[in-house]
Amino acid sequence: MEHKPITTQDKYDKVAARIEQLKDGEAGSEEAEEMKLLTKLIVEYESKRQHPEQRNSEDT
């Protein structure tokens, strides 16, 4: 499953819901790997929301 960066609150909510579904996955499973990726996307999104100046400098 391919995942793109989170750009809206709606996408954030969907990713968070998916993480909730995956949270009990066995270590090393596809589900656990997907959860790790989705968690990284959540962290990136939250970081950009808290520090919008980073987003502007990355765009140039």
C-alpha atoms as a PDB file:
ATOM      1  CA  MET A   1       0.000   0.000   0.000  1.00  0.00           C
ATOM      2  CA  GLU A   2       1.439   3.340  -1.055  1.00  0.00           C
ATOM      3  CA  HIS A   3       1.029   6.329   1.222  1.00  0.00           C
ATOM      4  CA  LYS A   4       1.495   9.994   0.375  1.00  0.00           C
ATOM      5  CA  PRO A   5       2.338  12.853   2.733  1.00  0.00           C
ATOM      6  CA  ILE A   6      -0.566  14.105   4.811  1.00  0.00           C
ATOM      7  CA  THR A   7      -1.732  17.519   3.649  1.00  0.00           C
ATOM      8  CA  THR A   8      -5.148  17.987   5.250  1.00  0.00           C
ATOM      9  CA  GLN A   9      -6.852  17.368   8.571  1.00  0.00           C
ATOM     10  CA  ASP A  10      -9.219  14.927   6.857  1.00  0.00           C
ATOM     11  CA  LYS A  11      -6.292  12.833   5.602  1.00  0.00           C
ATOM     12  CA  TYR A  12      -4.703  13.052   9.044  1.00  0.00           C
ATOM     13  CA  ASP A  13      -7.884  11.698  10.629  1.00  0.00           C
ATOM     14  CA  LYS A  14      -8.012   8.805   8.150  1.00  0.00           C
ATOM     15  CA  VAL A  15      -4.378   7.902   8.773  1.00  0.00           C
ATOM     16  CA  ALA A  16      -4.892   8.082  12.534  1.00  0.00           C
ATOM     17  CA  ALA A  17      -7.884   5.739  12.215  1.00  0.00           C
ATOM     18  CA  ARG A  18      -5.806   3.326  10.138  1.00  0.00           C
ATOM     19  CA  ILE A  19      -3.049   3.352  12.758  1.00  0.00           C
ATOM     20  CA  GLU A  20      -5.666   2.468  15.359  1.00  0.00           C
ATOM     21  CA  GLN A  21      -6.648  -0.559  13.246  1.00  0.00           C
ATOM     22  CA  LEU A  22      -3.026  -1.655  12.909  1.00  0.00           C
ATOM     23  CA  LYS A  23      -1.814  -1.084  16.463  1.00  0.00           C
ATOM     24  CA  ASP A  24      -2.040  -4.731  17.508  1.00  0.00           C
ATOM     25  CA  GLY A  25      -0.096  -6.048  14.526  1.00  0.00           C
ATOM     26  CA  GLU A  26       2.699  -8.496  15.161  1.00  0.00           C
ATOM     27  CA  ALA A  27       6.227  -7.072  15.063  1.00  0.00           C
ATOM     28  CA  GLY A  28       7.785  -7.481  11.640  1.00  0.00           C
ATOM     29  CA  SER A  29       4.452  -8.049   9.913  1.00  0.00           C
ATOM     30  CA  GLU A  30       3.222  -6.025   6.949  1.00  0.00           C
ATOM     31  CA  GLU A  31       0.737  -4.355   9.271  1.00  0.00           C
ATOM     32  CA  ALA A  32       3.504  -3.312  11.670  1.00  0.00           C
ATOM     33  CA  GLU A  33       5.560  -1.913   8.799  1.00  0.00           C
ATOM     34  CA  GLU A  34       2.561   0.026   7.496  1.00  0.00           C
ATOM     35  CA  MET A  35       1.955   1.410  10.975  1.00  0.00           C
ATOM     36  CA  LYS A  36       5.572   2.603  11.208  1.00  0.00           C
ATOM     37  CA  LEU A  37       5.240   4.408   7.874  1.00  0.00           C
ATOM     38  CA  LEU A  38       1.926   5.995   8.816  1.00  0.00           C
ATOM     39  CA  THR A  39       3.332   7.098  12.154  1.00  0.00           C
ATOM     40  CA  LYS A  40       6.194   8.854  10.370  1.00  0.00           C
ATOM     41  CA  LEU A  41       3.684  10.637   8.125  1.00  0.00           C
ATOM     42  CA  ILE A  42       1.710  11.771  11.195  1.00  0.00           C
ATOM     43  CA  VAL A  43       4.872  13.086  12.874  1.00  0.00           C
ATOM     44  CA  GLU A  44       5.874  14.995   9.718  1.00  0.00           C
ATOM     45  CA  TYR A  45       2.407  16.526   9.398  1.00  0.00           C
ATOM     46  CA  GLU A  46       2.293  17.584  13.032  1.00  0.00           C
ATOM     47  CA  SER A  47       5.787  19.041  12.819  1.00  0.00           C
ATOM     48  CA  LYS A  48       4.831  21.166   9.817  1.00  0.00           C
ATOM     49  CA  ARG A  49       1.675  22.367  11.574  1.00  0.00           C
ATOM     50  CA  GLN A  50       3.651  23.377  14.649  1.00  0.00           C
ATOM     51  CA  HIS A  51       6.484  24.950  12.638  1.00  0.00           C
ATOM     52  CA  PRO A  52       5.002  26.344   9.398  1.00  0.00           C
ATOM     53  CA  GLU A  53       8.239  28.201   8.600  1.00  0.00           C
ATOM     54  CA  GLN A  54       9.860  24.795   7.902  1.00  0.00           C
ATOM     55  CA  ARG A  55       7.304  24.080   5.198  1.00  0.00           C
ATOM     56  CA  ASN A  56       8.080  27.364   3.451  1.00  0.00           C
ATOM     57  CA  SER A  57      11.833  26.798   3.499  1.00  0.00           C
ATOM     58  CA  GLU A  58      11.413  23.231   2.193  1.00  0.00           C
ATOM     59  CA  ASP A  59       9.307  24.423  -0.738  1.00  0.00           C
ATOM     60  CA  THR A  60      12.056  26.618  -2.155  1.00  0.00           C
END
